[in-house]
Amino acid sequence: MAAAAAPQRRSGDPRGAQRAMAGGKCRMKMFKFVVVLLFAILATSTCKRNRCLEGGSHKNRPSPEPDMHECTLYAESSCCYANFTEQLAHSPVIRVNNSYWNRCGILSKSCEDYMKKIECFYQCSPHAAHWINPNYTAGIEFVPLCQDFCDEWYEACQNDSVCVRNWITDWEWDENGENQCKNECLPFNKVYANGTDMCESMWGNSFKVSQSSCLCLQMNLRDEVVIKYLTSESSEESSSVSSSEERACRRKLRKTELLKEEEGVETETVPLAPHHSQAY
């Protein structure tokens, strides 16, 4: 009896082909999704780096301002126009826009210098928008300041007088849009307990004192290195700064120090320990 012939295998399975096509479409959709997601992340990051706050005197995007009278720390890439800095060019500073600084008397030169640093950062820094307040795009939120910077600022202003605790919300604004005192004038050291209290109260939640001695701003040339670290590598300073982040920051600053020493260039970027700077 002849053996039964083996059944012939069909060369093409339409269901398999359909499954392969469906899998290919799924992978293509996933690929497109990943590409779009990466593009969105990059676009958001680029936008953050290349934008300014949305205040009345801010530019749309930072650009060079070689003729700045003050705030020259940001002259190569500035969110304010050079004519804005004319208000800060002569001491004593009386008024910045419609805000008077002398409602409780002329500020001492040392206190005024620190007030200028903060004003210059807010108005002119191309990096301020990294900490933009999501609920008020003309403002900043939780910019990390170095503890020593705040302590030295407090020391510089402690014997000057002020009539408000929060310089954003506590003024009374008259019909001309100018700030007036609602309360009596008191020394800074009666209004603020210490440097931390002052930094975290004077401008509301605009600033915070960093837990790190390196991942923080001092409003001087040193910040060029630190800001690059904060905005590119760690993106956001976490509430708990790890020792590895601290070491990485210090290594980067030390490397910059060595490079500057080799070039024979004096710079404020060198010291890790904060100190007074005359760059506004």
C-alpha atoms as a PDB file:
ATOM      1  CA  MET A   1       0.000   0.000   0.000  1.00  0.00           C
ATOM      2  CA  ALA A   2       1.484   3.301  -1.011  1.00  0.00           C
ATOM      3  CA  ALA A   3       2.344   5.745   1.772  1.00  0.00           C
ATOM      4  CA  ALA A   4       0.061   8.714   2.012  1.00  0.00           C
ATOM      5  CA  ALA A   5       1.581  11.845   0.531  1.00  0.00           C
ATOM      6  CA  ALA A   6       2.567  14.488   3.142  1.00  0.00           C
ATOM      7  CA  PRO A   7       0.311  17.510   3.058  1.00  0.00           C
ATOM      8  CA  GLN A   8       1.871  20.438   1.247  1.00  0.00           C
ATOM      9  CA  ARG A   9       2.680  23.522   3.402  1.00  0.00           C
ATOM     10  CA  ARG A  10       1.111  26.663   2.181  1.00  0.00           C
ATOM     11  CA  SER A  11       3.766  29.153   1.247  1.00  0.00           C
ATOM     12  CA  GLY A  12       1.932  32.230   2.480  1.00  0.00           C
ATOM     13  CA  ASP A  13      -0.122  32.730   5.648  1.00  0.00           C
ATOM     14  CA  PRO A  14      -2.245  35.847   5.232  1.00  0.00           C
ATOM     15  CA  ARG A  15      -2.810  36.095   8.989  1.00  0.00           C
ATOM     16  CA  GLY A  16       0.946  36.113   9.644  1.00  0.00           C
ATOM     17  CA  ALA A  17       1.455  38.803   7.067  1.00  0.00           C
ATOM     18  CA  GLN A  18      -1.256  40.902   8.654  1.00  0.00           C
ATOM     19  CA  ARG A  19       0.321  40.468  12.077  1.00  0.00           C
ATOM     20  CA  ALA A  20       3.728  41.504  10.693  1.00  0.00           C
ATOM     21  CA  MET A  21       2.231  44.582   9.059  1.00  0.00           C
ATOM     22  CA  ALA A  22       0.419  45.519  12.274  1.00  0.00           C
ATOM     23  CA  GLY A  23       3.618  45.099  14.277  1.00  0.00           C
ATOM     24  CA  GLY A  24       5.522  47.258  11.828  1.00  0.00           C
ATOM     25  CA  LYS A  25       2.906  50.018  12.026  1.00  0.00           C
ATOM     26  CA  CYS A  26       2.986  49.861  15.829  1.00  0.00           C
ATOM     27  CA  ARG A  27       6.769  50.187  15.878  1.00  0.00           C
ATOM     28  CA  MET A  28       6.589  53.078  13.435  1.00  0.00           C
ATOM     29  CA  LYS A  29       4.025  54.865  15.604  1.00  0.00           C
ATOM     30  CA  MET A  30       6.187  54.290  18.675  1.00  0.00           C
ATOM     31  CA  PHE A  31       9.222  55.645  16.836  1.00  0.00           C
ATOM     32  CA  LYS A  32       7.300  58.748  15.762  1.00  0.00           C
ATOM     33  CA  PHE A  33       6.061  59.250  19.340  1.00  0.00           C
ATOM     34  CA  VAL A  34       9.608  59.042  20.728  1.00  0.00           C
ATOM     35  CA  VAL A  35      10.886  61.490  18.097  1.00  0.00           C
ATOM     36  CA  VAL A  36       8.094  63.968  18.850  1.00  0.00           C
ATOM     37  CA  LEU A  37       8.679  63.611  22.596  1.00  0.00           C
ATOM     38  CA  LEU A  38      12.415  64.224  22.268  1.00  0.00           C
ATOM     39  CA  PHE A  39      11.767  67.216  20.026  1.00  0.00           C
ATOM     40  CA  ALA A  40       9.323  68.645  22.569  1.00  0.00           C
ATOM     41  CA  ILE A  41      11.831  68.195  25.405  1.00  0.00           C
ATOM     42  CA  LEU A  42      14.628  69.810  23.392  1.00  0.00           C
ATOM     43  CA  ALA A  43      12.370  72.636  22.260  1.00  0.00           C
ATOM     44  CA  THR A  44      11.254  73.319  25.828  1.00  0.00           C
ATOM     45  CA  SER A  45      14.845  73.289  27.059  1.00  0.00           C
ATOM     46  CA  THR A  46      15.995  75.596  24.255  1.00  0.00           C
ATOM     47  CA  CYS A  47      13.062  77.912  24.856  1.00  0.00           C
ATOM     48  CA  LYS A  48      13.908  78.148  28.538  1.00  0.00           C
ATOM     49  CA  ARG A  49      17.503  79.035  27.745  1.00  0.00           C
ATOM     50  CA  ASN A  50      16.601  81.549  25.068  1.00  0.00           C
ATOM     51  CA  ARG A  51      13.828  83.553  26.639  1.00  0.00           C
ATOM     52  CA  CYS A  52      13.290  86.323  29.146  1.00  0.00           C
ATOM     53  CA  LEU A  53      10.749  86.942  31.849  1.00  0.00           C
ATOM     54  CA  GLU A  54       7.585  88.662  30.673  1.00  0.00           C
ATOM     55  CA  GLY A  55       7.878  91.829  32.726  1.00  0.00           C
ATOM     56  CA  GLY A  56       7.184  95.293  31.386  1.00  0.00           C
ATOM     57  CA  SER A  57      10.852  96.192  30.831  1.00  0.00           C
ATOM     58  CA  HIS A  58      12.111  92.775  29.707  1.00  0.00           C
ATOM     59  CA  LYS A  59      13.029  91.896  26.139  1.00  0.00           C
ATOM     60  CA  ASN A  60      11.433  88.917  24.416  1.00  0.00           C
ATOM     61  CA  ARG A  61      14.818  87.241  24.017  1.00  0.00           C
ATOM     62  CA  PRO A  62      18.269  88.023  25.400  1.00  0.00           C
ATOM     63  CA  SER A  63      20.764  89.841  23.209  1.00  0.00           C
ATOM     64  CA  PRO A  64      24.051  91.763  23.677  1.00  0.00           C
ATOM     65  CA  GLU A  65      23.985  95.204  25.304  1.00  0.00           C
ATOM     66  CA  PRO A  66      27.560  96.575  25.069  1.00  0.00           C
ATOM     67  CA  ASP A  67      26.606 100.032  26.380  1.00  0.00           C
ATOM     68  CA  MET A  68      25.182  99.021  29.753  1.00  0.00           C
ATOM     69  CA  HIS A  69      25.814 101.493  32.586  1.00  0.00           C
ATOM     70  CA  GLU A  70      25.350  98.835  35.304  1.00  0.00           C
ATOM     71  CA  CYS A  71      24.526  95.114  35.374  1.00  0.00           C
ATOM     72  CA  THR A  72      27.525  94.528  33.094  1.00  0.00           C
ATOM     73  CA  LEU A  73      27.674  90.912  34.262  1.00  0.00           C
ATOM     74  CA  TYR A  74      24.912  90.334  31.684  1.00  0.00           C
ATOM     75  CA  ALA A  75      26.165  92.597  28.896  1.00  0.00           C
ATOM     76  CA  GLU A  76      26.944  89.747  26.488  1.00  0.00           C
ATOM     77  CA  SER A  77      23.417  88.353  26.743  1.00  0.00           C
ATOM     78  CA  SER A  78      20.919  90.614  28.424  1.00  0.00           C
ATOM     79  CA  CYS A  79      17.166  90.575  28.961  1.00  0.00           C
ATOM     80  CA  CYS A  80      17.136  94.316  29.726  1.00  0.00           C
ATOM     81  CA  TYR A  81      17.995  97.250  27.506  1.00  0.00           C
ATOM     82  CA  ALA A  82      21.043  99.382  28.280  1.00  0.00           C
ATOM     83  CA  ASN A  83      18.902 102.443  29.029  1.00  0.00           C
ATOM     84  CA  PHE A  84      17.217 100.589  31.912  1.00  0.00           C
ATOM     85  CA  THR A  85      20.551 100.440  33.741  1.00  0.00           C
ATOM     86  CA  GLU A  86      20.873 104.237  33.740  1.00  0.00           C
ATOM     87  CA  GLN A  87      18.607 104.174  36.831  1.00  0.00           C
ATOM     88  CA  LEU A  88      21.237 102.164  38.701  1.00  0.00           C
ATOM     89  CA  ALA A  89      24.309 103.984  37.435  1.00  0.00           C
ATOM     90  CA  HIS A  90      24.543 106.729  40.051  1.00  0.00           C
ATOM     91  CA  SER A  91      24.633 106.335  43.805  1.00  0.00           C
ATOM     92  CA  PRO A  92      22.479 106.841  45.733  1.00  0.00           C
ATOM     93  CA  VAL A  93      19.825 105.046  43.695  1.00  0.00           C
ATOM     94  CA  ILE A  94      16.528 106.812  44.340  1.00  0.00           C
ATOM     95  CA  ARG A  95      14.078 105.072  42.042  1.00  0.00           C
ATOM     96  CA  VAL A  96      13.930 102.003  39.776  1.00  0.00           C
ATOM     97  CA  ASN A  97      10.962 102.283  37.423  1.00  0.00           C
ATOM     98  CA  ASN A  98       8.147 103.391  39.786  1.00  0.00           C
ATOM     99  CA  SER A  99       9.637 101.881  42.924  1.00  0.00           C
ATOM    100  CA  TYR A 100      11.431 104.254  45.284  1.00  0.00           C
ATOM    101  CA  TRP A 101      14.323 102.853  47.310  1.00  0.00           C
ATOM    102  CA  ASN A 102      14.533 105.818  49.706  1.00  0.00           C
ATOM    103  CA  ARG A 103      11.176 105.702  51.500  1.00  0.00           C
ATOM    104  CA  CYS A 104      13.025 105.187  54.799  1.00  0.00           C
ATOM    105  CA  GLY A 105      16.086 107.215  53.886  1.00  0.00           C
ATOM    106  CA  ILE A 106      18.988 106.751  51.517  1.00  0.00           C
ATOM    107  CA  LEU A 107      20.386 103.213  51.552  1.00  0.00           C
ATOM    108  CA  SER A 108      23.996 102.787  52.578  1.00  0.00           C
ATOM    109  CA  LYS A 109      26.372 102.107  49.684  1.00  0.00           C
ATOM    110  CA  SER A 110      27.052  98.544  50.846  1.00  0.00           C
ATOM    111  CA  CYS A 111      23.332  97.745  51.085  1.00  0.00           C
ATOM    112  CA  GLU A 112      22.610  99.445  47.781  1.00  0.00           C
ATOM    113  CA  ASP A 113      25.259  97.310  46.066  1.00  0.00           C
ATOM    114  CA  TYR A 114      23.420  94.120  47.042  1.00  0.00           C
ATOM    115  CA  MET A 115      20.050  95.543  46.027  1.00  0.00           C
ATOM    116  CA  LYS A 116      21.572  96.295  42.637  1.00  0.00           C
ATOM    117  CA  LYS A 117      22.761  92.709  42.261  1.00  0.00           C
ATOM    118  CA  ILE A 118      19.249  91.394  42.832  1.00  0.00           C
ATOM    119  CA  GLU A 119      17.660  94.003  40.563  1.00  0.00           C
ATOM    120  CA  CYS A 120      20.179  93.284  37.807  1.00  0.00           C
ATOM    121  CA  PHE A 121      19.558  89.542  38.006  1.00  0.00           C
ATOM    122  CA  TYR A 122      15.792  89.950  37.825  1.00  0.00           C
ATOM    123  CA  GLN A 123      15.792  92.551  35.053  1.00  0.00           C
ATOM    124  CA  CYS A 124      18.785  91.529  32.949  1.00  0.00           C
ATOM    125  CA  SER A 125      19.913  87.932  33.512  1.00  0.00           C
ATOM    126  CA  PRO A 126      19.280  85.621  30.526  1.00  0.00           C
ATOM    127  CA  HIS A 127      19.019  82.757  33.034  1.00  0.00           C
ATOM    128  CA  ALA A 128      16.294  84.168  35.286  1.00  0.00           C
ATOM    129  CA  ALA A 129      13.577  82.569  33.139  1.00  0.00           C
ATOM    130  CA  HIS A 130      14.893  79.141  34.139  1.00  0.00           C
ATOM    131  CA  TRP A 131      13.126  79.848  37.445  1.00  0.00           C
ATOM    132  CA  ILE A 132      10.062  81.528  35.937  1.00  0.00           C
ATOM    133  CA  ASN A 133       7.002  81.557  38.174  1.00  0.00           C
ATOM    134  CA  PRO A 134       4.408  79.402  36.363  1.00  0.00           C
ATOM    135  CA  ASN A 135       1.572  81.444  37.866  1.00  0.00           C
ATOM    136  CA  TYR A 136       3.114  84.836  37.092  1.00  0.00           C
ATOM    137  CA  THR A 137       5.419  84.828  34.089  1.00  0.00           C
ATOM    138  CA  ALA A 138       6.901  88.235  34.931  1.00  0.00           C
ATOM    139  CA  GLY A 139       8.233  86.769  38.169  1.00  0.00           C
ATOM    140  CA  ILE A 140      10.748  84.221  39.401  1.00  0.00           C
ATOM    141  CA  GLU A 141      10.386  81.409  41.923  1.00  0.00           C
ATOM    142  CA  PHE A 142      12.851  79.668  44.243  1.00  0.00           C
ATOM    143  CA  VAL A 143      16.095  80.882  42.670  1.00  0.00           C
ATOM    144  CA  PRO A 144      18.830  79.197  44.775  1.00  0.00           C
ATOM    145  CA  LEU A 145      21.075  81.715  46.544  1.00  0.00           C
ATOM    146  CA  CYS A 146      24.210  80.818  48.502  1.00  0.00           C
ATOM    147  CA  GLN A 147      23.910  81.001  52.279  1.00  0.00           C
ATOM    148  CA  ASP A 148      27.019  83.174  52.567  1.00  0.00           C
ATOM    149  CA  PHE A 149      25.646  85.582  49.951  1.00  0.00           C
ATOM    150  CA  CYS A 150      22.469  86.050  51.992  1.00  0.00           C
ATOM    151  CA  ASP A 151      24.405  86.433  55.240  1.00  0.00           C
ATOM    152  CA  GLU A 152      26.685  89.079  53.732  1.00  0.00           C
ATOM    153  CA  TRP A 153      23.720  90.892  52.170  1.00  0.00           C
ATOM    154  CA  TYR A 154      22.011  90.963  55.569  1.00  0.00           C
ATOM    155  CA  GLU A 155      25.161  92.273  57.223  1.00  0.00           C
ATOM    156  CA  ALA A 156      25.431  95.019  54.598  1.00  0.00           C
ATOM    157  CA  CYS A 157      21.825  96.171  55.132  1.00  0.00           C
ATOM    158  CA  GLN A 158      21.147  95.428  58.792  1.00  0.00           C
ATOM    159  CA  ASN A 159      21.450  99.053  59.930  1.00  0.00           C
ATOM    160  CA  ASP A 160      19.473 100.501  56.999  1.00  0.00           C
ATOM    161  CA  SER A 161      15.739 101.030  57.429  1.00  0.00           C
ATOM    162  CA  VAL A 162      12.687  99.669  55.648  1.00  0.00           C
ATOM    163  CA  CYS A 163       8.914  99.852  56.157  1.00  0.00           C
ATOM    164  CA  VAL A 164       7.911  96.622  54.382  1.00  0.00           C
ATOM    165  CA  ARG A 165       8.866  92.991  54.846  1.00  0.00           C
ATOM    166  CA  ASN A 166       7.813  91.809  51.384  1.00  0.00           C
ATOM    167  CA  TRP A 167       8.940  94.333  48.759  1.00  0.00           C
ATOM    168  CA  ILE A 168       6.484  92.915  46.228  1.00  0.00           C
ATOM    169  CA  THR A 169       3.214  92.862  48.169  1.00  0.00           C
ATOM    170  CA  ASP A 170       3.528  95.100  51.248  1.00  0.00           C
ATOM    171  CA  TRP A 171       3.769  98.551  49.691  1.00  0.00           C
ATOM    172  CA  GLU A 172       0.827 100.886  49.316  1.00  0.00           C
ATOM    173  CA  TRP A 173       0.660 102.102  45.717  1.00  0.00           C
ATOM    174  CA  ASP A 174      -0.711 105.609  45.127  1.00  0.00           C
ATOM    175  CA  GLU A 175      -2.648 106.967  42.158  1.00  0.00           C
ATOM    176  CA  ASN A 176       0.629 107.638  40.330  1.00  0.00           C
ATOM    177  CA  GLY A 177       1.649 103.983  40.650  1.00  0.00           C
ATOM    178  CA  GLU A 178       4.411 104.847  43.135  1.00  0.00           C
ATOM    179  CA  ASN A 179       5.177 102.885  46.302  1.00  0.00           C
ATOM    180  CA  GLN A 180       4.415 104.402  49.702  1.00  0.00           C
ATOM    181  CA  CYS A 181       4.959 103.112  53.242  1.00  0.00           C
ATOM    182  CA  LYS A 182       1.988 101.715  55.174  1.00  0.00           C
ATOM    183  CA  ASN A 183       3.996 101.027  58.322  1.00  0.00           C
ATOM    184  CA  GLU A 184       6.748 102.703  60.297  1.00  0.00           C
ATOM    185  CA  CYS A 185      10.372 102.439  59.207  1.00  0.00           C
ATOM    186  CA  LEU A 186      12.472  99.920  61.117  1.00  0.00           C
ATOM    187  CA  PRO A 187      16.062  98.684  60.771  1.00  0.00           C
ATOM    188  CA  PHE A 188      16.524  95.619  58.568  1.00  0.00           C
ATOM    189  CA  ASN A 189      17.657  93.644  61.614  1.00  0.00           C
ATOM    190  CA  LYS A 190      14.281  94.314  63.271  1.00  0.00           C
ATOM    191  CA  VAL A 191      12.307  93.287  60.184  1.00  0.00           C
ATOM    192  CA  TYR A 192      14.348  90.190  59.246  1.00  0.00           C
ATOM    193  CA  ALA A 193      15.795  87.716  61.728  1.00  0.00           C
ATOM    194  CA  ASN A 194      18.868  86.817  59.651  1.00  0.00           C
ATOM    195  CA  GLY A 195      20.174  86.429  56.098  1.00  0.00           C
ATOM    196  CA  THR A 196      18.022  83.389  55.367  1.00  0.00           C
ATOM    197  CA  ASP A 197      14.858  85.128  56.546  1.00  0.00           C
ATOM    198  CA  MET A 198      15.667  88.201  54.460  1.00  0.00           C
ATOM    199  CA  CYS A 199      16.477  86.297  51.253  1.00  0.00           C
ATOM    200  CA  GLU A 200      13.357  84.148  51.527  1.00  0.00           C
ATOM    201  CA  SER A 201      10.995  86.993  52.507  1.00  0.00           C
ATOM    202  CA  MET A 202      12.033  90.242  50.829  1.00  0.00           C
ATOM    203  CA  TRP A 203      10.912  89.125  47.365  1.00  0.00           C
ATOM    204  CA  GLY A 204       8.288  86.636  48.507  1.00  0.00           C
ATOM    205  CA  ASN A 205       9.119  83.166  47.195  1.00  0.00           C
ATOM    206  CA  SER A 206      11.387  84.511  44.449  1.00  0.00           C
ATOM    207  CA  PHE A 207      14.524  83.237  46.190  1.00  0.00           C
ATOM    208  CA  LYS A 208      15.490  80.404  48.499  1.00  0.00           C
ATOM    209  CA  VAL A 209      18.674  79.660  50.402  1.00  0.00           C
ATOM    210  CA  SER A 210      20.343  76.618  48.865  1.00  0.00           C
ATOM    211  CA  GLN A 211      21.388  73.649  50.961  1.00  0.00           C
ATOM    212  CA  SER A 212      24.472  73.462  48.762  1.00  0.00           C
ATOM    213  CA  SER A 213      27.483  75.729  49.113  1.00  0.00           C
ATOM    214  CA  CYS A 214      28.250  75.245  45.413  1.00  0.00           C
ATOM    215  CA  LEU A 215      24.941  74.759  43.577  1.00  0.00           C
ATOM    216  CA  CYS A 216      23.810  78.302  44.300  1.00  0.00           C
ATOM    217  CA  LEU A 217      24.110  81.818  42.929  1.00  0.00           C
ATOM    218  CA  GLN A 218      26.183  84.736  44.210  1.00  0.00           C
ATOM    219  CA  MET A 219      25.346  87.240  41.467  1.00  0.00           C
ATOM    220  CA  ASN A 220      28.948  87.375  40.222  1.00  0.00           C
ATOM    221  CA  LEU A 221      31.135  85.790  37.529  1.00  0.00           C
ATOM    222  CA  ARG A 222      31.251  82.510  39.422  1.00  0.00           C
ATOM    223  CA  ASP A 223      27.595  82.026  38.463  1.00  0.00           C
ATOM    224  CA  GLU A 224      28.514  81.439  34.815  1.00  0.00           C
ATOM    225  CA  VAL A 225      29.817  77.993  35.744  1.00  0.00           C
ATOM    226  CA  VAL A 226      27.159  77.193  38.329  1.00  0.00           C
ATOM    227  CA  ILE A 227      24.239  78.170  36.083  1.00  0.00           C
ATOM    228  CA  LYS A 228      25.516  75.907  33.321  1.00  0.00           C
ATOM    229  CA  TYR A 229      25.523  73.056  35.808  1.00  0.00           C
ATOM    230  CA  LEU A 230      22.080  73.857  37.191  1.00  0.00           C
ATOM    231  CA  THR A 231      20.411  74.311  33.815  1.00  0.00           C
ATOM    232  CA  SER A 232      22.089  71.579  31.779  1.00  0.00           C
ATOM    233  CA  GLU A 233      23.291  68.738  33.970  1.00  0.00           C
ATOM    234  CA  SER A 234      20.976  68.682  36.958  1.00  0.00           C
ATOM    235  CA  SER A 235      18.244  70.775  35.274  1.00  0.00           C
ATOM    236  CA  GLU A 236      16.574  71.549  38.596  1.00  0.00           C
ATOM    237  CA  GLU A 237      18.176  71.737  42.018  1.00  0.00           C
ATOM    238  CA  SER A 238      16.516  69.061  44.097  1.00  0.00           C
ATOM    239  CA  SER A 239      15.276  69.791  47.595  1.00  0.00           C
ATOM    240  CA  SER A 240      17.967  67.435  48.895  1.00  0.00           C
ATOM    241  CA  VAL A 241      21.336  68.062  47.295  1.00  0.00           C
ATOM    242  CA  SER A 242      23.347  64.871  46.933  1.00  0.00           C
ATOM    243  CA  SER A 243      27.022  64.734  47.785  1.00  0.00           C
ATOM    244  CA  SER A 244      27.760  63.617  44.207  1.00  0.00           C
ATOM    245  CA  GLU A 245      26.123  66.762  42.808  1.00  0.00           C
ATOM    246  CA  GLU A 246      28.089  68.889  45.238  1.00  0.00           C
ATOM    247  CA  ARG A 247      31.371  67.207  44.269  1.00  0.00           C
ATOM    248  CA  ALA A 248      30.604  67.552  40.565  1.00  0.00           C
ATOM    249  CA  CYS A 249      29.907  71.251  40.998  1.00  0.00           C
ATOM    250  CA  ARG A 250      33.130  71.800  42.916  1.00  0.00           C
ATOM    251  CA  ARG A 251      35.151  69.864  40.329  1.00  0.00           C
ATOM    252  CA  LYS A 252      33.731  72.028  37.579  1.00  0.00           C
ATOM    253  CA  LEU A 253      34.556  75.230  39.438  1.00  0.00           C
ATOM    254  CA  ARG A 254      38.049  73.964  40.233  1.00  0.00           C
ATOM    255  CA  LYS A 255      38.643  73.063  36.585  1.00  0.00           C
ATOM    256  CA  THR A 256      37.588  76.568  35.565  1.00  0.00           C
ATOM    257  CA  GLU A 257      39.929  77.992  38.182  1.00  0.00           C
ATOM    258  CA  LEU A 258      42.887  76.034  36.817  1.00  0.00           C
ATOM    259  CA  LEU A 259      42.121  77.032  33.236  1.00  0.00           C
ATOM    260  CA  LYS A 260      41.935  80.684  34.216  1.00  0.00           C
ATOM    261  CA  GLU A 261      45.206  80.413  36.122  1.00  0.00           C
ATOM    262  CA  GLU A 262      46.894  78.905  33.068  1.00  0.00           C
ATOM    263  CA  GLU A 263      45.608  81.759  30.937  1.00  0.00           C
ATOM    264  CA  GLY A 264      46.747  84.276  33.548  1.00  0.00           C
ATOM    265  CA  VAL A 265      43.278  85.750  33.820  1.00  0.00           C
ATOM    266  CA  GLU A 266      41.955  87.101  37.106  1.00  0.00           C
ATOM    267  CA  THR A 267      38.370  86.101  37.661  1.00  0.00           C
ATOM    268  CA  GLU A 268      35.695  86.062  40.332  1.00  0.00           C
ATOM    269  CA  THR A 269      34.837  82.543  39.219  1.00  0.00           C
ATOM    270  CA  VAL A 270      37.842  81.131  41.083  1.00  0.00           C
ATOM    271  CA  PRO A 271      36.915  81.129  44.781  1.00  0.00           C
ATOM    272  CA  LEU A 272      34.510  78.525  46.086  1.00  0.00           C
ATOM    273  CA  ALA A 273      34.010  80.536  49.245  1.00  0.00           C
ATOM    274  CA  PRO A 274      31.553  83.372  48.506  1.00  0.00           C
ATOM    275  CA  HIS A 275      32.803  86.925  48.763  1.00  0.00           C
ATOM    276  CA  HIS A 276      31.720  90.415  47.827  1.00  0.00           C
ATOM    277  CA  SER A 277      31.762  91.228  44.146  1.00  0.00           C
ATOM    278  CA  GLN A 278      31.587  94.539  42.417  1.00  0.00           C
ATOM    279  CA  ALA A 279      30.156  93.069  39.195  1.00  0.00           C
ATOM    280  CA  TYR A 280      26.511  94.035  38.896  1.00  0.00           C
END
